[in-house]
Amino acid sequence: MTTTATETEAASTSSAGDDVVVARAGRYYRNTRYLFVLAMLIFGAYFAYDGWVAWPREAQLNRDNPKAGKPHTDTDIRFQKVLGFTLPPLALAFLGWTLYRSRGSYRLQGDVLSVPGHPEVPLDAIRQVDKSKWDRKGIAYVDYELHRDPGAAGAPPSVLDYRAPRGRVTLDDFIYDRAPTDQIVERIEAFIAQSSAPSVQGAPPAPEH
């Protein structure tokens, strides 16, 4: 996966030892969809003009002078009207879906992951990372299970509350900036690997022979 220095510099900042990685909406993802929406609006206007103006006028001229050529049928005109009527709303709906899907940003600040549509997820609440689609599509699924509120009934923060929110975060390096998204995934994996590694300090002493 290719990255640029500009993307990396814009994505990662450090202040007072608090490392922050931010992945904003990908420009390529949004720009290609903006062009698609624009094309739908242009074609919608073109079909509407044919359906309500050009082709009916052509049919009227043919009725006045049958030698004026073969006009489009009523079915043709009706089909143009349908396209002219439906394409603009579809274009706006697609635009709204695109902006919603790429809203906000991915943010990893210290050991807390923030993703639009989810609560803030501490890295120690992450249960697994599914990268089955990572190599082909750049998509990683992060399953989390939040800890019990330490202030609730004096429960220790290490105890899991199975009534607490669980969810799956989708990290997509096509919809959001690739370099910082990949960096976030790498840091999550590094945290999980470090957390699951056995502690050397707590190991029992080796038996003496």
Foldseek 3Di string as FASTA:
>chain_A
DDDDPVQVVVAWDDDPNKIKGKWAFDPVLLVVLVVVLVVLLVLLVVLCCCLPPVQVVQVVVCVVPVVSDDGDDPVSSVVSNVSNVPSNVVSVVSNVVLCVVRDDIWMCIRQWTDDPPDDIAGLVQWDDKDCPCCVPFNKIKTKGFAFDDCVPVNDHRVHGDPVGDIDIDIQGCNRIPNPSSVVVVVVSVVVVVVVPDDDPVPDDDDDDD
